[in-house]
Amino acid sequence: MAAGCSPGVGSIGAVLARDNASQALYVRDAPRGLAAERSGLIPGDEIVMIDGVYVRALPSAQVRDRLRGAVGSAVELTVVRGGEVRRVRIVRGELQAHEEIKPGEEPIPP
């Protein structure tokens, strides 16, 4: 395959945070125009499952690996928002860096 023909690494386009006590995974930001925002994710949504796998027991590296994939491929999240459970299908977009949001871990108070 020629250079540049690979679809590349895709992402859901969300900034996530994990509660240190419960290991719950939350959407911290869904930047405008990226896959997460287009799919309806909003800050505060708790991601409970990725493609049917519970995330609380997964280390951060495995969460990242499950959320990333080929650009244009889809991933299904089970999300809790305000006591309501919903399934969200997200088509991965190109992995992008965001100047206004620095990646990293931050504690979420209980």
PDB file of N, CA and C in Angstrom:
ATOM      1  N   MET A   1       0.857  -1.171   0.000  1.00  0.00           N
ATOM      2  CA  MET A   1       0.000   0.000   0.000  1.00  0.00           C
ATOM      3  C   MET A   1       0.901   1.232   0.000  1.00  0.00           C
ATOM      4  N   ALA A   2       0.575   2.209  -0.796  1.00  0.00           N
ATOM      5  CA  ALA A   2       1.382   3.423  -0.900  1.00  0.00           C
ATOM      6  C   ALA A   2       1.216   4.286   0.339  1.00  0.00           C
ATOM      7  N   ALA A   3       2.262   5.041   0.643  1.00  0.00           N
ATOM      8  CA  ALA A   3       2.194   5.942   1.800  1.00  0.00           C
ATOM      9  C   ALA A   3       1.052   6.925   1.615  1.00  0.00           C
ATOM     10  N   GLY A   4       0.335   7.191   2.694  1.00  0.00           N
ATOM     11  CA  GLY A   4      -0.773   8.147   2.626  1.00  0.00           C
ATOM     12  C   GLY A   4      -2.101   7.522   2.267  1.00  0.00           C
ATOM     13  N   CYS A   5      -2.103   6.225   1.912  1.00  0.00           N
ATOM     14  CA  CYS A   5      -3.350   5.569   1.523  1.00  0.00           C
ATOM     15  C   CYS A   5      -4.057   4.916   2.708  1.00  0.00           C
ATOM     16  N   SER A   6      -3.347   4.737   3.792  1.00  0.00           N
ATOM     17  CA  SER A   6      -3.928   4.134   4.986  1.00  0.00           C
ATOM     18  C   SER A   6      -4.968   5.061   5.586  1.00  0.00           C
ATOM     19  N   PRO A   7      -6.088   4.499   6.069  1.00  0.00           N
ATOM     20  CA  PRO A   7      -7.105   5.363   6.653  1.00  0.00           C
ATOM     21  C   PRO A   7      -6.647   6.054   7.925  1.00  0.00           C
ATOM     22  N   GLY A   8      -5.605   5.567   8.590  1.00  0.00           N
ATOM     23  CA  GLY A   8      -5.086   6.220   9.790  1.00  0.00           C
ATOM     24  C   GLY A   8      -5.860   5.851  11.038  1.00  0.00           C
ATOM     25  N   VAL A   9      -5.368   6.370  12.145  1.00  0.00           N
ATOM     26  CA  VAL A   9      -5.975   6.103  13.443  1.00  0.00           C
ATOM     27  C   VAL A   9      -7.111   7.086  13.666  1.00  0.00           C
ATOM     28  N   GLY A  10      -8.252   6.555  14.041  1.00  0.00           N
ATOM     29  CA  GLY A  10      -9.410   7.386  14.313  1.00  0.00           C
ATOM     30  C   GLY A  10      -9.746   7.386  15.785  1.00  0.00           C
ATOM     31  N   SER A  11     -10.546   8.360  16.175  1.00  0.00           N
ATOM     32  CA  SER A  11     -10.933   8.537  17.570  1.00  0.00           C
ATOM     33  C   SER A  11     -12.387   8.998  17.622  1.00  0.00           C
ATOM     34  N   ILE A  12     -12.979   8.894  18.815  1.00  0.00           N
ATOM     35  CA  ILE A  12     -14.348   9.388  18.971  1.00  0.00           C
ATOM     36  C   ILE A  12     -14.371  10.902  19.134  1.00  0.00           C
ATOM     37  N   GLY A  13     -13.214  11.522  19.365  1.00  0.00           N
ATOM     38  CA  GLY A  13     -13.164  12.978  19.445  1.00  0.00           C
ATOM     39  C   GLY A  13     -13.742  13.540  20.727  1.00  0.00           C
ATOM     40  N   ALA A  14     -13.489  12.873  21.842  1.00  0.00           N
ATOM     41  CA  ALA A  14     -13.975  13.364  23.132  1.00  0.00           C
ATOM     42  C   ALA A  14     -12.816  13.414  24.122  1.00  0.00           C
ATOM     43  N   VAL A  15     -12.911  14.327  25.069  1.00  0.00           N
ATOM     44  CA  VAL A  15     -11.962  14.388  26.173  1.00  0.00           C
ATOM     45  C   VAL A  15     -12.650  13.706  27.343  1.00  0.00           C
ATOM     46  N   LEU A  16     -11.966  12.707  27.927  1.00  0.00           N
ATOM     47  CA  LEU A  16     -12.573  11.901  28.975  1.00  0.00           C
ATOM     48  C   LEU A  16     -11.865  12.104  30.303  1.00  0.00           C
ATOM     49  N   ALA A  17     -12.560  11.818  31.382  1.00  0.00           N
ATOM     50  CA  ALA A  17     -12.007  11.888  32.733  1.00  0.00           C
ATOM     51  C   ALA A  17     -12.526  10.681  33.498  1.00  0.00           C
ATOM     52  N   ARG A  18     -11.724  10.217  34.442  1.00  0.00           N
ATOM     53  CA  ARG A  18     -12.110   9.051  35.233  1.00  0.00           C
ATOM     54  C   ARG A  18     -12.198   9.441  36.701  1.00  0.00           C
ATOM     55  N   ASP A  19     -13.269   9.012  37.365  1.00  0.00           N
ATOM     56  CA  ASP A  19     -13.435   9.215  38.798  1.00  0.00           C
ATOM     57  C   ASP A  19     -12.497   8.234  39.504  1.00  0.00           C
ATOM     58  N   ASN A  20     -11.570   8.754  40.285  1.00  0.00           N
ATOM     59  CA  ASN A  20     -10.569   7.899  40.937  1.00  0.00           C
ATOM     60  C   ASN A  20     -11.184   6.910  41.920  1.00  0.00           C
ATOM     61  N   ALA A  21     -12.245   7.275  42.592  1.00  0.00           N
ATOM     62  CA  ALA A  21     -12.848   6.395  43.599  1.00  0.00           C
ATOM     63  C   ALA A  21     -13.658   5.265  42.958  1.00  0.00           C
ATOM     64  N   SER A  22     -14.527   5.605  42.011  1.00  0.00           N
ATOM     65  CA  SER A  22     -15.424   4.606  41.437  1.00  0.00           C
ATOM     66  C   SER A  22     -14.928   4.015  40.119  1.00  0.00           C
ATOM     67  N   GLN A  23     -13.933   4.648  39.521  1.00  0.00           N
ATOM     68  CA  GLN A  23     -13.409   4.277  38.196  1.00  0.00           C
ATOM     69  C   GLN A  23     -14.411   4.531  37.064  1.00  0.00           C
ATOM     70  N   ALA A  24     -15.469   5.304  37.352  1.00  0.00           N
ATOM     71  CA  ALA A  24     -16.428   5.676  36.319  1.00  0.00           C
ATOM     72  C   ALA A  24     -15.730   6.570  35.294  1.00  0.00           C
ATOM     73  N   LEU A  25     -16.127   6.442  34.030  1.00  0.00           N
ATOM     74  CA  LEU A  25     -15.535   7.190  32.932  1.00  0.00           C
ATOM     75  C   LEU A  25     -16.550   8.201  32.419  1.00  0.00           C
ATOM     76  N   TYR A  26     -16.159   9.468  32.400  1.00  0.00           N
ATOM     77  CA  TYR A  26     -17.068  10.544  32.009  1.00  0.00           C
ATOM     78  C   TYR A  26     -16.536  11.321  30.814  1.00  0.00           C
ATOM     79  N   VAL A  27     -17.465  11.886  30.045  1.00  0.00           N
ATOM     80  CA  VAL A  27     -17.104  12.816  28.978  1.00  0.00           C
ATOM     81  C   VAL A  27     -16.841  14.163  29.639  1.00  0.00           C
ATOM     82  N   ARG A  28     -15.632  14.657  29.498  1.00  0.00           N
ATOM     83  CA  ARG A  28     -15.284  15.972  30.040  1.00  0.00           C
ATOM     84  C   ARG A  28     -15.593  17.063  29.024  1.00  0.00           C
ATOM     85  N   ASP A  29     -15.369  16.746  27.734  1.00  0.00           N
ATOM     86  CA  ASP A  29     -15.675  17.698  26.669  1.00  0.00           C
ATOM     87  C   ASP A  29     -15.904  16.929  25.382  1.00  0.00           C
ATOM     88  N   ALA A  30     -16.787  17.451  24.556  1.00  0.00           N
ATOM     89  CA  ALA A  30     -17.045  16.925  23.218  1.00  0.00           C
ATOM     90  C   ALA A  30     -16.854  18.095  22.261  1.00  0.00           C
ATOM     91  N   PRO A  31     -15.598  18.333  21.832  1.00  0.00           N
ATOM     92  CA  PRO A  31     -15.298  19.503  21.017  1.00  0.00           C
ATOM     93  C   PRO A  31     -16.154  19.596  19.760  1.00  0.00           C
ATOM     94  N   ARG A  32     -16.511  20.812  19.464  1.00  0.00           N
ATOM     95  CA  ARG A  32     -17.367  21.135  18.336  1.00  0.00           C
ATOM     96  C   ARG A  32     -16.833  20.556  17.030  1.00  0.00           C
ATOM     97  N   GLY A  33     -17.724  19.902  16.295  1.00  0.00           N
ATOM     98  CA  GLY A  33     -17.403  19.390  14.974  1.00  0.00           C
ATOM     99  C   GLY A  33     -16.764  18.014  14.939  1.00  0.00           C
ATOM    100  N   LEU A  34     -16.411  17.461  16.098  1.00  0.00           N
ATOM    101  CA  LEU A  34     -15.804  16.134  16.114  1.00  0.00           C
ATOM    102  C   LEU A  34     -16.872  15.060  16.314  1.00  0.00           C
ATOM    103  N   ALA A  35     -16.481  13.806  16.151  1.00  0.00           N
ATOM    104  CA  ALA A  35     -17.429  12.683  16.145  1.00  0.00           C
ATOM    105  C   ALA A  35     -18.310  12.619  17.384  1.00  0.00           C
ATOM    106  N   ALA A  36     -17.731  12.822  18.574  1.00  0.00           N
ATOM    107  CA  ALA A  36     -18.521  12.733  19.806  1.00  0.00           C
ATOM    108  C   ALA A  36     -19.640  13.764  19.827  1.00  0.00           C
ATOM    109  N   GLU A  37     -19.321  14.986  19.445  1.00  0.00           N
ATOM    110  CA  GLU A  37     -20.338  16.055  19.431  1.00  0.00           C
ATOM    111  C   GLU A  37     -21.403  15.769  18.375  1.00  0.00           C
ATOM    112  N   ARG A  38     -20.980  15.297  17.215  1.00  0.00           N
ATOM    113  CA  ARG A  38     -21.941  14.980  16.147  1.00  0.00           C
ATOM    114  C   ARG A  38     -22.864  13.840  16.549  1.00  0.00           C
ATOM    115  N   SER A  39     -22.376  12.940  17.425  1.00  0.00           N
ATOM    116  CA  SER A  39     -23.180  11.796  17.870  1.00  0.00           C
ATOM    117  C   SER A  39     -24.070  12.121  19.063  1.00  0.00           C
ATOM    118  N   GLY A  40     -23.933  13.342  19.600  1.00  0.00           N
ATOM    119  CA  GLY A  40     -24.795  13.761  20.694  1.00  0.00           C
ATOM    120  C   GLY A  40     -24.219  13.602  22.083  1.00  0.00           C
ATOM    121  N   LEU A  41     -22.954  13.186  22.212  1.00  0.00           N
ATOM    122  CA  LEU A  41     -22.357  13.118  23.553  1.00  0.00           C
ATOM    123  C   LEU A  41     -22.198  14.523  24.107  1.00  0.00           C
ATOM    124  N   ILE A  42     -22.379  14.641  25.423  1.00  0.00           N
ATOM    125  CA  ILE A  42     -22.210  15.941  26.078  1.00  0.00           C
ATOM    126  C   ILE A  42     -21.393  15.755  27.360  1.00  0.00           C
ATOM    127  N   PRO A  43     -20.741  16.827  27.819  1.00  0.00           N
ATOM    128  CA  PRO A  43     -20.004  16.729  29.077  1.00  0.00           C
ATOM    129  C   PRO A  43     -20.913  16.241  30.209  1.00  0.00           C
ATOM    130  N   GLY A  44     -20.367  15.321  31.005  1.00  0.00           N
ATOM    131  CA  GLY A  44     -21.134  14.745  32.107  1.00  0.00           C
ATOM    132  C   GLY A  44     -21.693  13.372  31.795  1.00  0.00           C
ATOM    133  N   ASP A  45     -21.786  13.005  30.509  1.00  0.00           N
ATOM    134  CA  ASP A  45     -22.232  11.654  30.164  1.00  0.00           C
ATOM    135  C   ASP A  45     -21.263  10.646  30.751  1.00  0.00           C
ATOM    136  N   GLU A  46     -21.779   9.588  31.367  1.00  0.00           N
ATOM    137  CA  GLU A  46     -20.930   8.504  31.852  1.00  0.00           C
ATOM    138  C   GLU A  46     -20.908   7.402  30.809  1.00  0.00           C
ATOM    139  N   ILE A  47     -19.719   7.023  30.378  1.00  0.00           N
ATOM    140  CA  ILE A  47     -19.564   5.912  29.444  1.00  0.00           C
ATOM    141  C   ILE A  47     -19.459   4.644  30.280  1.00  0.00           C
ATOM    142  N   VAL A  48     -20.441   3.767  30.145  1.00  0.00           N
ATOM    143  CA  VAL A  48     -20.509   2.545  30.945  1.00  0.00           C
ATOM    144  C   VAL A  48     -19.895   1.364  30.195  1.00  0.00           C
ATOM    145  N   MET A  49     -20.159   1.290  28.877  1.00  0.00           N
ATOM    146  CA  MET A  49     -19.641   0.182  28.067  1.00  0.00           C
ATOM    147  C   MET A  49     -19.124   0.706  26.729  1.00  0.00           C
ATOM    148  N   ILE A  50     -18.112   0.018  26.230  1.00  0.00           N
ATOM    149  CA  ILE A  50     -17.596   0.252  24.887  1.00  0.00           C
ATOM    150  C   ILE A  50     -17.743  -1.065  24.141  1.00  0.00           C
ATOM    151  N   ASP A  51     -18.566  -1.077  23.100  1.00  0.00           N
ATOM    152  CA  ASP A  51     -18.839  -2.303  22.332  1.00  0.00           C
ATOM    153  C   ASP A  51     -19.193  -3.467  23.245  1.00  0.00           C
ATOM    154  N   GLY A  52     -20.020  -3.204  24.255  1.00  0.00           N
ATOM    155  CA  GLY A  52     -20.511  -4.249  25.148  1.00  0.00           C
ATOM    156  C   GLY A  52     -19.578  -4.651  26.268  1.00  0.00           C
ATOM    157  N   VAL A  53     -18.440  -3.970  26.422  1.00  0.00           N
ATOM    158  CA  VAL A  53     -17.475  -4.296  27.477  1.00  0.00           C
ATOM    159  C   VAL A  53     -17.525  -3.198  28.532  1.00  0.00           C
ATOM    160  N   TYR A  54     -17.746  -3.583  29.798  1.00  0.00           N
ATOM    161  CA  TYR A  54     -17.792  -2.605  30.882  1.00  0.00           C
ATOM    162  C   TYR A  54     -16.435  -1.940  31.047  1.00  0.00           C
ATOM    163  N   VAL A  55     -16.427  -0.625  31.231  1.00  0.00           N
ATOM    164  CA  VAL A  55     -15.168   0.122  31.258  1.00  0.00           C
ATOM    165  C   VAL A  55     -14.575   0.316  32.649  1.00  0.00           C
ATOM    166  N   ARG A  56     -15.329   0.178  33.697  1.00  0.00           N
ATOM    167  CA  ARG A  56     -14.790   0.462  35.040  1.00  0.00           C
ATOM    168  C   ARG A  56     -13.601  -0.421  35.392  1.00  0.00           C
ATOM    169  N   ALA A  57     -13.595  -1.657  34.923  1.00  0.00           N
ATOM    170  CA  ALA A  57     -12.502  -2.563  35.247  1.00  0.00           C
ATOM    171  C   ALA A  57     -11.328  -2.444  34.273  1.00  0.00           C
ATOM    172  N   LEU A  58     -11.493  -1.675  33.202  1.00  0.00           N
ATOM    173  CA  LEU A  58     -10.435  -1.561  32.199  1.00  0.00           C
ATOM    174  C   LEU A  58      -9.425  -0.481  32.566  1.00  0.00           C
ATOM    175  N   PRO A  59      -8.142  -0.770  32.420  1.00  0.00           N
ATOM    176  CA  PRO A  59      -7.141   0.284  32.600  1.00  0.00           C
ATOM    177  C   PRO A  59      -7.281   1.330  31.490  1.00  0.00           C
ATOM    178  N   SER A  60      -6.776   2.518  31.746  1.00  0.00           N
ATOM    179  CA  SER A  60      -6.901   3.627  30.785  1.00  0.00           C
ATOM    180  C   SER A  60      -6.375   3.262  29.404  1.00  0.00           C
ATOM    181  N   ALA A  61      -5.279   2.522  29.326  1.00  0.00           N
ATOM    182  CA  ALA A  61      -4.711   2.153  28.024  1.00  0.00           C
ATOM    183  C   ALA A  61      -5.688   1.287  27.224  1.00  0.00           C
ATOM    184  N   GLN A  62      -6.410   0.392  27.899  1.00  0.00           N
ATOM    185  CA  GLN A  62      -7.370  -0.456  27.193  1.00  0.00           C
ATOM    186  C   GLN A  62      -8.599   0.340  26.760  1.00  0.00           C
ATOM    187  N   VAL A  63      -9.009   1.305  27.576  1.00  0.00           N
ATOM    188  CA  VAL A  63     -10.117   2.187  27.180  1.00  0.00           C
ATOM    189  C   VAL A  63      -9.723   2.927  25.907  1.00  0.00           C
ATOM    190  N   ARG A  64      -8.532   3.508  25.912  1.00  0.00           N
ATOM    191  CA  ARG A  64      -8.049   4.251  24.736  1.00  0.00           C
ATOM    192  C   ARG A  64      -8.008   3.342  23.509  1.00  0.00           C
ATOM    193  N   ASP A  65      -7.476   2.130  23.667  1.00  0.00           N
ATOM    194  CA  ASP A  65      -7.375   1.212  22.538  1.00  0.00           C
ATOM    195  C   ASP A  65      -8.744   0.834  21.989  1.00  0.00           C
ATOM    196  N   ARG A  66      -9.740   0.690  22.865  1.00  0.00           N
ATOM    197  CA  ARG A  66     -11.088   0.331  22.407  1.00  0.00           C
ATOM    198  C   ARG A  66     -11.788   1.504  21.714  1.00  0.00           C
ATOM    199  N   LEU A  67     -11.450   2.716  22.117  1.00  0.00           N
ATOM    200  CA  LEU A  67     -12.084   3.889  21.509  1.00  0.00           C
ATOM    201  C   LEU A  67     -11.444   4.272  20.181  1.00  0.00           C
ATOM    202  N   ARG A  68     -10.195   3.916  19.996  1.00  0.00           N
ATOM    203  CA  ARG A  68      -9.500   4.217  18.748  1.00  0.00           C
ATOM    204  C   ARG A  68      -9.680   3.078  17.765  1.00  0.00           C
ATOM    205  N   GLY A  69      -9.560   3.412  16.502  1.00  0.00           N
ATOM    206  CA  GLY A  69      -9.686   2.420  15.443  1.00  0.00           C
ATOM    207  C   GLY A  69      -9.520   3.135  14.120  1.00  0.00           C
ATOM    208  N   ALA A  70      -9.777   2.448  13.054  1.00  0.00           N
ATOM    209  CA  ALA A  70      -9.630   3.046  11.729  1.00  0.00           C
ATOM    210  C   ALA A  70     -10.615   4.199  11.549  1.00  0.00           C
ATOM    211  N   VAL A  71     -10.149   5.254  10.901  1.00  0.00           N
ATOM    212  CA  VAL A  71     -11.033   6.377  10.581  1.00  0.00           C
ATOM    213  C   VAL A  71     -12.197   5.835   9.749  1.00  0.00           C
ATOM    214  N   GLY A  72     -13.412   6.190  10.128  1.00  0.00           N
ATOM    215  CA  GLY A  72     -14.605   5.730   9.426  1.00  0.00           C
ATOM    216  C   GLY A  72     -15.225   4.486  10.021  1.00  0.00           C
ATOM    217  N   SER A  73     -14.508   3.799  10.921  1.00  0.00           N
ATOM    218  CA  SER A  73     -15.092   2.633  11.590  1.00  0.00           C
ATOM    219  C   SER A  73     -15.973   3.129  12.738  1.00  0.00           C
ATOM    220  N   ALA A  74     -16.860   2.261  13.191  1.00  0.00           N
ATOM    221  CA  ALA A  74     -17.816   2.666  14.230  1.00  0.00           C
ATOM    222  C   ALA A  74     -17.545   1.949  15.544  1.00  0.00           C
ATOM    223  N   VAL A  75     -17.948   2.602  16.618  1.00  0.00           N
ATOM    224  CA  VAL A  75     -17.885   2.030  17.953  1.00  0.00           C
ATOM    225  C   VAL A  75     -19.217   2.337  18.631  1.00  0.00           C
ATOM    226  N   GLU A  76     -19.715   1.397  19.437  1.00  0.00           N
ATOM    227  CA  GLU A  76     -20.976   1.622  20.147  1.00  0.00           C
ATOM    228  C   GLU A  76     -20.706   1.808  21.634  1.00  0.00           C
ATOM    229  N   LEU A  77     -21.185   2.924  22.165  1.00  0.00           N
ATOM    230  CA  LEU A  77     -21.041   3.223  23.581  1.00  0.00           C
ATOM    231  C   LEU A  77     -22.390   3.089  24.266  1.00  0.00           C
ATOM    232  N   THR A  78     -22.368   2.596  25.492  1.00  0.00           N
ATOM    233  CA  THR A  78     -23.549   2.636  26.346  1.00  0.00           C
ATOM    234  C   THR A  78     -23.263   3.739  27.351  1.00  0.00           C
ATOM    235  N   VAL A  79     -24.154   4.721  27.374  1.00  0.00           N
ATOM    236  CA  VAL A  79     -23.938   5.964  28.117  1.00  0.00           C
ATOM    237  C   VAL A  79     -25.098   6.174  29.083  1.00  0.00           C
ATOM    238  N   VAL A  80     -24.774   6.694  30.276  1.00  0.00           N
ATOM    239  CA  VAL A  80     -25.812   7.084  31.229  1.00  0.00           C
ATOM    240  C   VAL A  80     -25.806   8.600  31.325  1.00  0.00           C
ATOM    241  N   ARG A  81     -26.988   9.178  31.136  1.00  0.00           N
ATOM    242  CA  ARG A  81     -27.173  10.632  31.245  1.00  0.00           C
ATOM    243  C   ARG A  81     -28.436  10.876  32.057  1.00  0.00           C
ATOM    244  N   GLY A  82     -28.246  11.478  33.238  1.00  0.00           N
ATOM    245  CA  GLY A  82     -29.400  11.808  34.069  1.00  0.00           C
ATOM    246  C   GLY A  82     -30.263  10.620  34.412  1.00  0.00           C
ATOM    247  N   GLY A  83     -29.672   9.473  34.658  1.00  0.00           N
ATOM    248  CA  GLY A  83     -30.435   8.280  35.016  1.00  0.00           C
ATOM    249  C   GLY A  83     -30.969   7.518  33.822  1.00  0.00           C
ATOM    250  N   GLU A  84     -30.811   8.044  32.631  1.00  0.00           N
ATOM    251  CA  GLU A  84     -31.299   7.383  31.413  1.00  0.00           C
ATOM    252  C   GLU A  84     -30.135   6.694  30.710  1.00  0.00           C
ATOM    253  N   VAL A  85     -30.332   5.429  30.315  1.00  0.00           N
ATOM    254  CA  VAL A  85     -29.313   4.677  29.596  1.00  0.00           C
ATOM    255  C   VAL A  85     -29.595   4.801  28.109  1.00  0.00           C
ATOM    256  N   ARG A  86     -28.547   5.118  27.346  1.00  0.00           N
ATOM    257  CA  ARG A  86     -28.701   5.218  25.900  1.00  0.00           C
ATOM    258  C   ARG A  86     -27.522   4.574  25.206  1.00  0.00           C
ATOM    259  N   ARG A  87     -27.778   4.103  24.013  1.00  0.00           N
ATOM    260  CA  ARG A  87     -26.703   3.571  23.174  1.00  0.00           C
ATOM    261  C   ARG A  87     -26.385   4.609  22.110  1.00  0.00           C
ATOM    262  N   VAL A  88     -25.095   4.841  21.942  1.00  0.00           N
ATOM    263  CA  VAL A  88     -24.647   5.848  20.986  1.00  0.00           C
ATOM    264  C   VAL A  88     -23.647   5.193  20.039  1.00  0.00           C
ATOM    265  N   ARG A  89     -23.927   5.270  18.760  1.00  0.00           N
ATOM    266  CA  ARG A  89     -23.003   4.749  17.741  1.00  0.00           C
ATOM    267  C   ARG A  89     -22.199   5.929  17.221  1.00  0.00           C
ATOM    268  N   ILE A  90     -20.879   5.809  17.282  1.00  0.00           N
ATOM    269  CA  ILE A  90     -20.006   6.900  16.852  1.00  0.00           C
ATOM    270  C   ILE A  90     -19.098   6.385  15.744  1.00  0.00           C
ATOM    271  N   VAL A  91     -19.053   7.135  14.648  1.00  0.00           N
ATOM    272  CA  VAL A  91     -18.124   6.832  13.566  1.00  0.00           C
ATOM    273  C   VAL A  91     -16.853   7.621  13.839  1.00  0.00           C
ATOM    274  N   ARG A  92     -15.753   6.902  13.983  1.00  0.00           N
ATOM    275  CA  ARG A  92     -14.481   7.533  14.348  1.00  0.00           C
ATOM    276  C   ARG A  92     -14.011   8.512  13.271  1.00  0.00           C
ATOM    277  N   GLY A  93     -13.518   9.647  13.752  1.00  0.00           N
ATOM    278  CA  GLY A  93     -12.923  10.637  12.866  1.00  0.00           C
ATOM    279  C   GLY A  93     -11.418  10.647  13.074  1.00  0.00           C
ATOM    280  N   GLU A  94     -10.726  11.472  12.313  1.00  0.00           N
ATOM    281  CA  GLU A  94      -9.268  11.566  12.455  1.00  0.00           C
ATOM    282  C   GLU A  94      -8.890  11.999  13.858  1.00  0.00           C
ATOM    283  N   LEU A  95      -7.836  11.400  14.364  1.00  0.00           N
ATOM    284  CA  LEU A  95      -7.315  11.748  15.678  1.00  0.00           C
ATOM    285  C   LEU A  95      -6.734  13.150  15.593  1.00  0.00           C
ATOM    286  N   GLN A  96      -7.214  14.042  16.462  1.00  0.00           N
ATOM    287  CA  GLN A  96      -6.786  15.441  16.422  1.00  0.00           C
ATOM    288  C   GLN A  96      -6.365  15.905  17.794  1.00  0.00           C
ATOM    289  N   ALA A  97      -5.403  16.812  17.803  1.00  0.00           N
ATOM    290  CA  ALA A  97      -4.982  17.446  19.055  1.00  0.00           C
ATOM    291  C   ALA A  97      -5.796  18.714  19.233  1.00  0.00           C
ATOM    292  N   HIS A  98      -6.090  19.064  20.467  1.00  0.00           N
ATOM    293  CA  HIS A  98      -6.872  20.259  20.769  1.00  0.00           C
ATOM    294  C   HIS A  98      -6.035  21.190  21.614  1.00  0.00           C
ATOM    295  N   GLU A  99      -5.798  22.375  21.106  1.00  0.00           N
ATOM    296  CA  GLU A  99      -4.971  23.329  21.827  1.00  0.00           C
ATOM    297  C   GLU A  99      -5.630  23.789  23.127  1.00  0.00           C
ATOM    298  N   GLU A 100      -6.940  23.967  23.114  1.00  0.00           N
ATOM    299  CA  GLU A 100      -7.611  24.510  24.288  1.00  0.00           C
ATOM    300  C   GLU A 100      -7.826  23.483  25.388  1.00  0.00           C
ATOM    301  N   ILE A 101      -7.699  22.190  25.084  1.00  0.00           N
ATOM    302  CA  ILE A 101      -7.922  21.140  26.074  1.00  0.00           C
ATOM    303  C   ILE A 101      -6.676  20.280  26.133  1.00  0.00           C
ATOM    304  N   LYS A 102      -6.020  20.300  27.248  1.00  0.00           N
ATOM    305  CA  LYS A 102      -4.809  19.514  27.418  1.00  0.00           C
ATOM    306  C   LYS A 102      -5.179  18.120  27.912  1.00  0.00           C
ATOM    307  N   PRO A 103      -4.671  17.061  27.231  1.00  0.00           N
ATOM    308  CA  PRO A 103      -4.975  15.704  27.675  1.00  0.00           C
ATOM    309  C   PRO A 103      -4.307  15.420  29.017  1.00  0.00           C
ATOM    310  N   GLY A 104      -4.858  14.476  29.718  1.00  0.00           N
ATOM    311  CA  GLY A 104      -4.302  14.075  31.002  1.00  0.00           C
ATOM    312  C   GLY A 104      -5.378  13.591  31.927  1.00  0.00           C
ATOM    313  N   GLU A 105      -4.994  13.211  33.080  1.00  0.00           N
ATOM    314  CA  GLU A 105      -5.952  12.722  34.060  1.00  0.00           C
ATOM    315  C   GLU A 105      -6.185  13.785  35.108  1.00  0.00           C
ATOM    316  N   GLU A 106      -7.395  13.889  35.526  1.00  0.00           N
ATOM    317  CA  GLU A 106      -7.715  14.810  36.614  1.00  0.00           C
ATOM    318  C   GLU A 106      -8.713  14.129  37.528  1.00  0.00           C
ATOM    319  N   PRO A 107      -8.580  14.299  38.817  1.00  0.00           N
ATOM    320  CA  PRO A 107      -9.525  13.668  39.740  1.00  0.00           C
ATOM    321  C   PRO A 107     -10.892  14.358  39.675  1.00  0.00           C
ATOM    322  N   ILE A 108     -11.912  13.565  39.799  1.00  0.00           N
ATOM    323  CA  ILE A 108     -13.270  14.085  39.870  1.00  0.00           C
ATOM    324  C   ILE A 108     -13.747  13.902  41.296  1.00  0.00           C
ATOM    325  N   PRO A 109     -14.089  14.986  41.992  1.00  0.00           N
ATOM    326  CA  PRO A 109     -14.525  14.850  43.385  1.00  0.00           C
ATOM    327  C   PRO A 109     -15.769  13.986  43.502  1.00  0.00           C
ATOM    328  N   PRO A 110     -15.884  13.236  44.601  1.00  0.00           N
ATOM    329  CA  PRO A 110     -17.066  12.347  44.786  1.00  0.00           C
ATOM    330  C   PRO A 110     -18.343  13.147  44.955  1.00  0.00           C
TER     331      PRO A 110
END
